[in-house]
PDB file of N, CA and C in Angstrom:
ATOM      1  N   MET A   1     142.289 -43.345 -44.335  1.00  0.00           N
ATOM      2  CA  MET A   1     143.527 -43.536 -43.353  1.00  0.00           C
ATOM      3  C   MET A   1     142.712 -43.273 -42.165  1.00  0.00           C
ATOM      4  N   SER A   2     142.523 -43.776 -40.514  1.00  0.00           N
ATOM      5  CA  SER A   2     142.142 -44.025 -39.758  1.00  0.00           C
ATOM      6  C   SER A   2     141.510 -43.399 -39.115  1.00  0.00           C
ATOM      7  N   GLU A   3     140.368 -43.674 -38.368  1.00  0.00           N
ATOM      8  CA  GLU A   3     139.883 -42.545 -37.726  1.00  0.00           C
ATOM      9  C   GLU A   3     139.596 -43.769 -36.602  1.00  0.00           C
ATOM     10  N   TYR A   4     139.969 -42.454 -35.494  1.00  0.00           N
ATOM     11  CA  TYR A   4     139.244 -42.925 -33.708  1.00  0.00           C
ATOM     12  C   TYR A   4     138.033 -41.886 -32.935  1.00  0.00           C
ATOM     13  N   ILE A   5     137.157 -42.798 -31.844  1.00  0.00           N
ATOM     14  CA  ILE A   5     136.738 -42.354 -31.313  1.00  0.00           C
ATOM     15  C   ILE A   5     136.447 -42.754 -30.095  1.00  0.00           C
ATOM     16  N   GLU A   6     135.709 -41.709 -29.225  1.00  0.00           N
ATOM     17  CA  GLU A   6     136.291 -42.071 -27.566  1.00  0.00           C
ATOM     18  C   GLU A   6     135.563 -43.809 -27.544  1.00  0.00           C
ATOM     19  N   ARG A   7     136.599 -44.116 -26.771  1.00  0.00           N
ATOM     20  CA  ARG A   7     135.417 -46.067 -26.337  1.00  0.00           C
ATOM     21  C   ARG A   7     134.508 -45.697 -25.168  1.00  0.00           C
ATOM     22  N   GLU A   8     134.781 -44.796 -24.322  1.00  0.00           N
ATOM     23  CA  GLU A   8     133.038 -44.581 -23.588  1.00  0.00           C
ATOM     24  C   GLU A   8     131.725 -43.935 -24.555  1.00  0.00           C
ATOM     25  N   ALA A   9     131.898 -42.763 -25.282  1.00  0.00           N
ATOM     26  CA  ALA A   9     130.675 -42.264 -26.373  1.00  0.00           C
ATOM     27  C   ALA A   9     130.298 -43.917 -26.991  1.00  0.00           C
ATOM     28  N   ALA A  10     130.954 -44.938 -27.389  1.00  0.00           N
ATOM     29  CA  ALA A  10     130.994 -45.529 -28.781  1.00  0.00           C
ATOM     30  C   ALA A  10     129.815 -47.047 -27.790  1.00  0.00           C
ATOM     31  N   ARG A  11     130.693 -47.179 -26.229  1.00  0.00           N
ATOM     32  CA  ARG A  11     129.795 -48.034 -25.492  1.00  0.00           C
ATOM     33  C   ARG A  11     128.125 -47.948 -24.993  1.00  0.00           C
ATOM     34  N   GLN A  12     128.036 -45.947 -24.657  1.00  0.00           N
ATOM     35  CA  GLN A  12     127.033 -46.018 -24.054  1.00  0.00           C
ATOM     36  C   GLN A  12     126.448 -45.301 -25.566  1.00  0.00           C
ATOM     37  N   CYS A  13     127.121 -45.738 -26.465  1.00  0.00           N
ATOM     38  CA  CYS A  13     125.308 -45.721 -27.503  1.00  0.00           C
ATOM     39  C   CYS A  13     125.414 -47.689 -28.083  1.00  0.00           C
ATOM     40  N   ILE A  14     125.847 -47.659 -28.162  1.00  0.00           N
ATOM     41  CA  ILE A  14     126.033 -49.403 -28.183  1.00  0.00           C
ATOM     42  C   ILE A  14     125.008 -49.498 -27.359  1.00  0.00           C
ATOM     43  N   HIS A  15     125.229 -50.277 -25.966  1.00  0.00           N
ATOM     44  CA  HIS A  15     124.002 -50.018 -24.719  1.00  0.00           C
ATOM     45  C   HIS A  15     123.404 -49.051 -25.200  1.00  0.00           C
ATOM     46  N   LYS A  16     122.878 -47.915 -25.523  1.00  0.00           N
ATOM     47  CA  LYS A  16     121.451 -47.830 -25.953  1.00  0.00           C
ATOM     48  C   LYS A  16     120.733 -48.237 -26.604  1.00  0.00           C
ATOM     49  N   TRP A  17     121.461 -49.196 -27.841  1.00  0.00           N
ATOM     50  CA  TRP A  17     120.369 -48.750 -28.877  1.00  0.00           C
ATOM     51  C   TRP A  17     120.430 -50.942 -28.498  1.00  0.00           C
ATOM     52  N   LEU A  18     121.233 -51.412 -28.349  1.00  0.00           N
ATOM     53  CA  LEU A  18     120.756 -52.602 -27.241  1.00  0.00           C
ATOM     54  C   LEU A  18     119.746 -52.943 -27.204  1.00  0.00           C
ATOM     55  N   ALA A  19     119.950 -51.979 -25.939  1.00  0.00           N
ATOM     56  CA  ALA A  19     118.780 -51.660 -25.096  1.00  0.00           C
ATOM     57  C   ALA A  19     117.191 -51.423 -25.405  1.00  0.00           C
ATOM     58  N   ASP A  20     117.548 -50.926 -26.279  1.00  0.00           N
ATOM     59  CA  ASP A  20     116.065 -49.910 -27.102  1.00  0.00           C
ATOM     60  C   ASP A  20     115.777 -50.733 -28.455  1.00  0.00           C
ATOM     61  N   ILE A  21     116.137 -51.426 -28.941  1.00  0.00           N
ATOM     62  CA  ILE A  21     116.584 -52.648 -29.950  1.00  0.00           C
ATOM     63  C   ILE A  21     115.507 -53.478 -29.552  1.00  0.00           C
ATOM     64  N   PHE A  22     116.982 -54.548 -28.749  1.00  0.00           N
ATOM     65  CA  PHE A  22     116.601 -55.901 -27.688  1.00  0.00           C
ATOM     66  C   PHE A  22     115.498 -56.105 -26.445  1.00  0.00           C
ATOM     67  N   GLY A  23     116.306 -55.176 -26.061  1.00  0.00           N
ATOM     68  CA  GLY A  23     115.802 -54.744 -24.948  1.00  0.00           C
ATOM     69  C   GLY A  23     116.445 -55.273 -23.202  1.00  0.00           C
ATOM     70  N   ILE A  24     117.930 -55.536 -23.634  1.00  0.00           N
ATOM     71  CA  ILE A  24     118.938 -56.413 -23.783  1.00  0.00           C
ATOM     72  C   ILE A  24     118.920 -55.535 -22.004  1.00  0.00           C
ATOM     73  N   ASP A  25     119.141 -55.871 -21.076  1.00  0.00           N
ATOM     74  CA  ASP A  25     119.546 -54.941 -19.539  1.00  0.00           C
ATOM     75  C   ASP A  25     121.185 -55.353 -19.745  1.00  0.00           C
ATOM     76  N   GLU A  26     121.715 -53.981 -18.414  1.00  0.00           N
ATOM     77  CA  GLU A  26     122.496 -53.853 -18.125  1.00  0.00           C
ATOM     78  C   GLU A  26     123.744 -55.080 -17.381  1.00  0.00           C
ATOM     79  N   PRO A  27     123.465 -56.076 -16.916  1.00  0.00           N
ATOM     80  CA  PRO A  27     124.497 -57.416 -16.811  1.00  0.00           C
ATOM     81  C   PRO A  27     124.247 -57.767 -17.550  1.00  0.00           C
ATOM     82  N   GLU A  28     123.372 -58.587 -18.599  1.00  0.00           N
ATOM     83  CA  GLU A  28     124.231 -59.165 -20.178  1.00  0.00           C
ATOM     84  C   GLU A  28     125.379 -58.115 -20.863  1.00  0.00           C
ATOM     85  N   LEU A  29     125.499 -57.317 -20.789  1.00  0.00           N
ATOM     86  CA  LEU A  29     126.147 -55.807 -21.285  1.00  0.00           C
ATOM     87  C   LEU A  29     128.103 -56.039 -21.005  1.00  0.00           C
ATOM     88  N   THR A  30     127.846 -56.398 -19.327  1.00  0.00           N
ATOM     89  CA  THR A  30     129.182 -56.851 -19.361  1.00  0.00           C
ATOM     90  C   THR A  30     130.147 -56.839 -20.264  1.00  0.00           C
ATOM     91  N   VAL A  31     129.546 -58.689 -20.841  1.00  0.00           N
ATOM     92  CA  VAL A  31     130.647 -59.269 -21.360  1.00  0.00           C
ATOM     93  C   VAL A  31     130.856 -58.496 -22.568  1.00  0.00           C
ATOM     94  N   LEU A  32     129.914 -57.425 -23.479  1.00  0.00           N
ATOM     95  CA  LEU A  32     130.643 -56.090 -24.716  1.00  0.00           C
ATOM     96  C   LEU A  32     130.967 -54.968 -23.257  1.00  0.00           C
ATOM     97  N   ASP A  33     131.407 -55.057 -22.641  1.00  0.00           N
ATOM     98  CA  ASP A  33     132.546 -53.987 -22.377  1.00  0.00           C
ATOM     99  C   ASP A  33     133.455 -54.175 -21.655  1.00  0.00           C
ATOM    100  N   LYS A  34     133.474 -55.795 -21.628  1.00  0.00           N
ATOM    101  CA  LYS A  34     134.481 -56.358 -21.221  1.00  0.00           C
ATOM    102  C   LYS A  34     135.319 -56.429 -22.341  1.00  0.00           C
ATOM    103  N   ARG A  35     135.238 -56.478 -23.980  1.00  0.00           N
ATOM    104  CA  ARG A  35     135.388 -56.636 -25.376  1.00  0.00           C
ATOM    105  C   ARG A  35     135.912 -56.262 -26.004  1.00  0.00           C
ATOM    106  N   LEU A  36     135.341 -54.920 -25.321  1.00  0.00           N
ATOM    107  CA  LEU A  36     134.897 -53.738 -25.884  1.00  0.00           C
ATOM    108  C   LEU A  36     136.733 -53.009 -25.116  1.00  0.00           C
ATOM    109  N   ASN A  37     136.707 -53.650 -23.646  1.00  0.00           N
ATOM    110  CA  ASN A  37     137.769 -53.211 -22.738  1.00  0.00           C
ATOM    111  C   ASN A  37     139.665 -53.828 -23.115  1.00  0.00           C
ATOM    112  N   ALA A  38     139.076 -54.548 -24.324  1.00  0.00           N
ATOM    113  CA  ALA A  38     140.065 -55.611 -24.511  1.00  0.00           C
ATOM    114  C   ALA A  38     140.885 -55.145 -25.689  1.00  0.00           C
ATOM    115  N   ILE A  39     140.141 -54.105 -26.450  1.00  0.00           N
ATOM    116  CA  ILE A  39     140.573 -53.629 -27.948  1.00  0.00           C
ATOM    117  C   ILE A  39     141.661 -52.860 -27.601  1.00  0.00           C
ATOM    118  N   PRO A  40     142.898 -53.028 -27.924  1.00  0.00           N
ATOM    119  CA  PRO A  40     143.395 -51.999 -27.264  1.00  0.00           C
ATOM    120  C   PRO A  40     143.556 -50.830 -28.056  1.00  0.00           C
ATOM    121  N   ALA A  41     143.802 -49.311 -27.100  1.00  0.00           N
ATOM    122  CA  ALA A  41     143.511 -48.117 -27.548  1.00  0.00           C
ATOM    123  C   ALA A  41     144.819 -47.632 -28.109  1.00  0.00           C
ATOM    124  N   ALA A  42     144.589 -46.293 -28.984  1.00  0.00           N
ATOM    125  CA  ALA A  42     145.715 -45.721 -29.854  1.00  0.00           C
ATOM    126  C   ALA A  42     145.842 -44.854 -29.580  1.00  0.00           C
ATOM    127  N   ASP A  43     147.526 -44.451 -29.538  1.00  0.00           N
ATOM    128  CA  ASP A  43     148.184 -43.411 -28.773  1.00  0.00           C
ATOM    129  C   ASP A  43     147.814 -41.923 -29.914  1.00  0.00           C
ATOM    130  N   VAL A  44     147.070 -41.095 -29.337  1.00  0.00           N
ATOM    131  CA  VAL A  44     146.924 -40.472 -30.807  1.00  0.00           C
ATOM    132  C   VAL A  44     146.986 -38.278 -29.835  1.00  0.00           C
ATOM    133  N   VAL A  45     147.180 -37.790 -30.819  1.00  0.00           N
ATOM    134  CA  VAL A  45     147.313 -36.374 -30.102  1.00  0.00           C
ATOM    135  C   VAL A  45     145.917 -36.323 -30.947  1.00  0.00           C
ATOM    136  N   PRO A  46     144.705 -35.085 -30.466  1.00  0.00           N
ATOM    137  CA  PRO A  46     144.250 -34.132 -30.535  1.00  0.00           C
ATOM    138  C   PRO A  46     145.160 -33.398 -31.143  1.00  0.00           C
ATOM    139  N   VAL A  47     144.043 -32.746 -32.610  1.00  0.00           N
ATOM    140  CA  VAL A  47     144.724 -31.504 -33.989  1.00  0.00           C
ATOM    141  C   VAL A  47     143.677 -30.547 -34.026  1.00  0.00           C
ATOM    142  N   MET A  48     145.007 -29.428 -33.341  1.00  0.00           N
ATOM    143  CA  MET A  48     144.778 -27.990 -33.460  1.00  0.00           C
ATOM    144  C   MET A  48     144.945 -27.305 -34.474  1.00  0.00           C
ATOM    145  N   HIS A  49     143.933 -26.161 -34.597  1.00  0.00           N
ATOM    146  CA  HIS A  49     143.501 -25.613 -35.464  1.00  0.00           C
ATOM    147  C   HIS A  49     144.433 -24.161 -35.056  1.00  0.00           C
ATOM    148  N   GLY A  50     144.598 -23.375 -35.544  1.00  0.00           N
ATOM    149  CA  GLY A  50     144.488 -22.206 -35.456  1.00  0.00           C
ATOM    150  C   GLY A  50     145.100 -20.876 -36.377  1.00  0.00           C
ATOM    151  N   ARG A  51     145.729 -20.492 -35.947  1.00  0.00           N
ATOM    152  CA  ARG A  51     145.933 -19.070 -37.446  1.00  0.00           C
ATOM    153  C   ARG A  51     147.288 -18.120 -36.480  1.00  0.00           C
ATOM    154  N   TRP A  52     147.788 -18.132 -37.522  1.00  0.00           N
ATOM    155  CA  TRP A  52     148.905 -16.549 -37.152  1.00  0.00           C
ATOM    156  C   TRP A  52     147.806 -14.982 -37.269  1.00  0.00           C
ATOM    157  N   ILE A  53     148.533 -14.649 -35.939  1.00  0.00           N
ATOM    158  CA  ILE A  53     147.956 -13.460 -35.585  1.00  0.00           C
ATOM    159  C   ILE A  53     149.421 -11.956 -35.760  1.00  0.00           C
ATOM    160  N   ASP A  54     149.200 -11.128 -36.680  1.00  0.00           N
ATOM    161  CA  ASP A  54     150.023  -9.974 -37.471  1.00  0.00           C
ATOM    162  C   ASP A  54     149.901  -9.619 -36.221  1.00  0.00           C
ATOM    163  N   TYR A  55     151.247  -8.865 -36.078  1.00  0.00           N
ATOM    164  CA  TYR A  55     151.467  -7.747 -35.135  1.00  0.00           C
ATOM    165  C   TYR A  55     152.188  -6.557 -35.223  1.00  0.00           C
ATOM    166  N   GLN A  56     152.401  -5.075 -35.881  1.00  0.00           N
ATOM    167  CA  GLN A  56     152.812  -4.920 -36.511  1.00  0.00           C
ATOM    168  C   GLN A  56     153.744  -3.983 -35.631  1.00  0.00           C
ATOM    169  N   TYR A  57     154.803  -4.628 -35.248  1.00  0.00           N
ATOM    170  CA  TYR A  57     155.763  -3.734 -34.087  1.00  0.00           C
ATOM    171  C   TYR A  57     156.686  -2.651 -35.213  1.00  0.00           C
ATOM    172  N   LYS A  58     156.717  -1.481 -34.736  1.00  0.00           N
ATOM    173  CA  LYS A  58     157.206  -0.071 -34.471  1.00  0.00           C
ATOM    174  C   LYS A  58     157.850   0.262 -34.272  1.00  0.00           C
ATOM    175  N   GLY A  59     158.923  -0.385 -33.099  1.00  0.00           N
ATOM    176  CA  GLY A  59     159.703  -0.012 -32.479  1.00  0.00           C
ATOM    177  C   GLY A  59     161.320   0.867 -32.763  1.00  0.00           C
ATOM    178  N   GLY A  60     161.581  -0.499 -34.672  1.00  0.00           N
ATOM    179  CA  GLY A  60     162.879  -0.204 -34.819  1.00  0.00           C
ATOM    180  C   GLY A  60     162.888   0.482 -35.989  1.00  0.00           C
ATOM    181  N   ARG A  61     164.141   0.869 -37.115  1.00  0.00           N
ATOM    182  CA  ARG A  61     164.102   1.681 -37.811  1.00  0.00           C
ATOM    183  C   ARG A  61     162.443   1.945 -39.353  1.00  0.00           C
ATOM    184  N   ARG A  62     162.283   0.934 -39.163  1.00  0.00           N
ATOM    185  CA  ARG A  62     161.041   0.434 -39.665  1.00  0.00           C
ATOM    186  C   ARG A  62     160.490  -0.463 -39.287  1.00  0.00           C
ATOM    187  N   PRO A  63     159.000  -0.429 -39.595  1.00  0.00           N
ATOM    188  CA  PRO A  63     157.762  -1.621 -39.510  1.00  0.00           C
ATOM    189  C   PRO A  63     157.500  -2.721 -39.667  1.00  0.00           C
ATOM    190  N   THR A  64     157.888  -3.797 -38.769  1.00  0.00           N
ATOM    191  CA  THR A  64     157.870  -5.144 -39.049  1.00  0.00           C
ATOM    192  C   THR A  64     157.048  -5.605 -38.685  1.00  0.00           C
ATOM    193  N   VAL A  65     156.515  -6.980 -38.948  1.00  0.00           N
ATOM    194  CA  VAL A  65     155.254  -7.825 -39.178  1.00  0.00           C
ATOM    195  C   VAL A  65     156.319  -8.842 -38.414  1.00  0.00           C
ATOM    196  N   ILE A  66     155.328  -9.417 -37.261  1.00  0.00           N
ATOM    197  CA  ILE A  66     155.684 -10.525 -36.370  1.00  0.00           C
ATOM    198  C   ILE A  66     154.119 -11.206 -36.192  1.00  0.00           C
ATOM    199  N   ARG A  67     154.425 -12.167 -36.293  1.00  0.00           N
ATOM    200  CA  ARG A  67     153.602 -13.415 -36.077  1.00  0.00           C
ATOM    201  C   ARG A  67     153.579 -14.433 -34.926  1.00  0.00           C
ATOM    202  N   TYR A  68     151.960 -14.293 -34.239  1.00  0.00           N
ATOM    203  CA  TYR A  68     152.466 -14.628 -33.129  1.00  0.00           C
ATOM    204  C   TYR A  68     151.552 -16.218 -33.770  1.00  0.00           C
ATOM    205  N   CYS A  69     150.793 -17.330 -32.805  1.00  0.00           N
ATOM    206  CA  CYS A  69     150.323 -18.030 -33.422  1.00  0.00           C
ATOM    207  C   CYS A  69     149.300 -18.040 -32.165  1.00  0.00           C
ATOM    208  N   SER A  70     147.658 -18.070 -33.016  1.00  0.00           N
ATOM    209  CA  SER A  70     146.486 -17.379 -31.469  1.00  0.00           C
ATOM    210  C   SER A  70     146.563 -18.545 -31.146  1.00  0.00           C
ATOM    211  N   ILE A  71     147.445 -20.268 -30.440  1.00  0.00           N
ATOM    212  CA  ILE A  71     146.259 -21.841 -29.721  1.00  0.00           C
ATOM    213  C   ILE A  71     148.340 -21.386 -28.387  1.00  0.00           C
ATOM    214  N   CYS A  72     149.611 -21.065 -28.630  1.00  0.00           N
ATOM    215  CA  CYS A  72     150.359 -20.923 -28.339  1.00  0.00           C
ATOM    216  C   CYS A  72     151.141 -19.652 -27.661  1.00  0.00           C
ATOM    217  N   GLY A  73     150.801 -18.945 -28.572  1.00  0.00           N
ATOM    218  CA  GLY A  73     152.139 -17.856 -28.958  1.00  0.00           C
ATOM    219  C   GLY A  73     152.911 -17.373 -29.347  1.00  0.00           C
ATOM    220  N   HIS A  74     153.520 -18.704 -29.701  1.00  0.00           N
ATOM    221  CA  HIS A  74     154.955 -19.022 -29.886  1.00  0.00           C
ATOM    222  C   HIS A  74     154.970 -17.853 -31.147  1.00  0.00           C
ATOM    223  N   ASN A  75     156.352 -16.611 -31.081  1.00  0.00           N
ATOM    224  CA  ASN A  75     156.700 -15.670 -31.716  1.00  0.00           C
ATOM    225  C   ASN A  75     157.345 -16.304 -33.100  1.00  0.00           C
ATOM    226  N   ASN A  76     155.989 -15.668 -34.578  1.00  0.00           N
ATOM    227  CA  ASN A  76     157.641 -16.758 -35.569  1.00  0.00           C
ATOM    228  C   ASN A  76     158.211 -15.653 -35.934  1.00  0.00           C
ATOM    229  N   ASN A  77     158.199 -15.093 -35.392  1.00  0.00           N
ATOM    230  CA  ASN A  77     159.194 -13.064 -36.464  1.00  0.00           C
ATOM    231  C   ASN A  77     158.112 -13.171 -37.850  1.00  0.00           C
ATOM    232  N   ASN A  78     158.300 -13.111 -39.514  1.00  0.00           N
ATOM    233  CA  ASN A  78     157.434 -12.532 -40.099  1.00  0.00           C
ATOM    234  C   ASN A  78     157.622 -14.291 -40.963  1.00  0.00           C
ATOM    235  N   ARG A  79     157.817 -15.590 -40.173  1.00  0.00           N
ATOM    236  CA  ARG A  79     157.175 -16.737 -41.201  1.00  0.00           C
ATOM    237  C   ARG A  79     155.723 -16.535 -40.878  1.00  0.00           C
ATOM    238  N   LYS A  80     155.828 -16.782 -42.176  1.00  0.00           N
ATOM    239  CA  LYS A  80     154.063 -17.265 -42.581  1.00  0.00           C
ATOM    240  C   LYS A  80     154.085 -19.238 -42.892  1.00  0.00           C
ATOM    241  N   THR A  81     153.994 -20.210 -42.111  1.00  0.00           N
ATOM    242  CA  THR A  81     154.023 -20.595 -42.368  1.00  0.00           C
ATOM    243  C   THR A  81     152.557 -21.596 -41.979  1.00  0.00           C
ATOM    244  N   ASN A  82     152.101 -23.013 -43.093  1.00  0.00           N
ATOM    245  CA  ASN A  82     150.832 -24.063 -42.372  1.00  0.00           C
ATOM    246  C   ASN A  82     151.199 -24.851 -41.602  1.00  0.00           C
ATOM    247  N   PHE A  83     151.794 -24.798 -40.578  1.00  0.00           N
ATOM    248  CA  PHE A  83     151.891 -25.187 -38.737  1.00  0.00           C
ATOM    249  C   PHE A  83     152.776 -24.127 -38.261  1.00  0.00           C
ATOM    250  N   CYS A  84     152.293 -24.132 -36.990  1.00  0.00           N
ATOM    251  CA  CYS A  84     152.792 -23.507 -35.205  1.00  0.00           C
ATOM    252  C   CYS A  84     154.803 -24.787 -35.302  1.00  0.00           C
ATOM    253  N   PRO A  85     155.606 -24.149 -35.069  1.00  0.00           N
ATOM    254  CA  PRO A  85     156.835 -25.026 -35.438  1.00  0.00           C
ATOM    255  C   PRO A  85     157.192 -25.102 -33.223  1.00  0.00           C
ATOM    256  N   ASN A  86     156.074 -24.598 -32.703  1.00  0.00           N
ATOM    257  CA  ASN A  86     155.865 -24.979 -31.416  1.00  0.00           C
ATOM    258  C   ASN A  86     154.559 -26.043 -30.933  1.00  0.00           C
ATOM    259  N   CYS A  87     153.545 -26.000 -30.618  1.00  0.00           N
ATOM    260  CA  CYS A  87     152.802 -26.482 -30.667  1.00  0.00           C
ATOM    261  C   CYS A  87     152.854 -27.550 -31.516  1.00  0.00           C
ATOM    262  N   GLY A  88     152.112 -27.071 -32.952  1.00  0.00           N
ATOM    263  CA  GLY A  88     152.409 -28.423 -34.616  1.00  0.00           C
ATOM    264  C   GLY A  88     150.631 -28.038 -34.875  1.00  0.00           C
ATOM    265  N   ALA A  89     150.439 -26.640 -34.182  1.00  0.00           N
ATOM    266  CA  ALA A  89     148.445 -26.346 -34.729  1.00  0.00           C
ATOM    267  C   ALA A  89     149.314 -25.995 -36.019  1.00  0.00           C
ATOM    268  N   ILE A  90     148.019 -26.912 -36.295  1.00  0.00           N
ATOM    269  CA  ILE A  90     147.571 -26.514 -38.704  1.00  0.00           C
ATOM    270  C   ILE A  90     146.889 -25.279 -38.253  1.00  0.00           C
ATOM    271  N   MET A  91     147.607 -24.440 -39.319  1.00  0.00           N
ATOM    272  CA  MET A  91     146.991 -23.432 -39.049  1.00  0.00           C
ATOM    273  C   MET A  91     145.947 -22.588 -40.445  1.00  0.00           C
ATOM    274  N   ASP A  92     144.990 -23.823 -40.572  1.00  0.00           N
ATOM    275  CA  ASP A  92     144.336 -22.913 -41.238  1.00  0.00           C
ATOM    276  C   ASP A  92     142.663 -22.540 -40.931  1.00  0.00           C
ATOM    277  N   LYS A  93     142.896 -21.210 -39.793  1.00  0.00           N
ATOM    278  CA  LYS A  93     141.955 -20.457 -39.477  1.00  0.00           C
ATOM    279  C   LYS A  93     142.135 -18.918 -39.715  1.00  0.00           C
ATOM    280  N   ASP A  94     140.655 -18.538 -40.961  1.00  0.00           N
ATOM    281  CA  ASP A  94     141.531 -17.126 -40.856  1.00  0.00           C
ATOM    282  C   ASP A  94     140.014 -16.393 -40.389  1.00  0.00           C
ATOM    283  N   GLY A  95     140.356 -14.861 -40.228  1.00  0.00           N
ATOM    284  CA  GLY A  95     139.978 -13.582 -39.989  1.00  0.00           C
ATOM    285  C   GLY A  95     140.315 -13.276 -37.756  1.00  0.00           C
ATOM    286  N   ASP A  96     139.673 -12.469 -37.552  1.00  0.00           N
ATOM    287  CA  ASP A  96     140.052 -12.271 -36.160  1.00  0.00           C
ATOM    288  C   ASP A  96     139.607 -12.903 -35.111  1.00  0.00           C
ATOM    289  N   GLY A  97     138.164 -14.251 -34.968  1.00  0.00           N
ATOM    290  CA  GLY A  97     137.348 -14.883 -34.824  1.00  0.00           C
ATOM    291  C   GLY A  97     138.203 -15.616 -33.499  1.00  0.00           C
ATOM    292  N   ASP A  98     137.440 -15.722 -33.179  1.00  0.00           N
ATOM    293  CA  ASP A  98     138.345 -17.432 -31.551  1.00  0.00           C
ATOM    294  C   ASP A  98     138.440 -18.464 -32.532  1.00  0.00           C
ATOM    295  N   VAL A  99     140.097 -18.768 -32.820  1.00  0.00           N
ATOM    296  CA  VAL A  99     139.917 -20.252 -33.012  1.00  0.00           C
ATOM    297  C   VAL A  99     139.823 -21.375 -31.994  1.00  0.00           C
TER     298      VAL A  99
END
């Protein structure tokens, strides 16, 4: 599986390493910056992790469980799926804490 990193974070890390180890200055690093910027960026979306929040609805003849996504608030009725069909969050968080 491919891994993706922030270009600016990589650039700063490489600059610091070259300056600390080899004493290379900023003017000499412009070639490196041009080469890093020439690498095409991937079109990626951050992965969101959430959980289903159960709500006991007591308005009808019998209590019903309604599940809401902790990320977008989507009402998933009583279905407990592995991901939110609205925002795509992976439902792998547990407990009542923040996600």
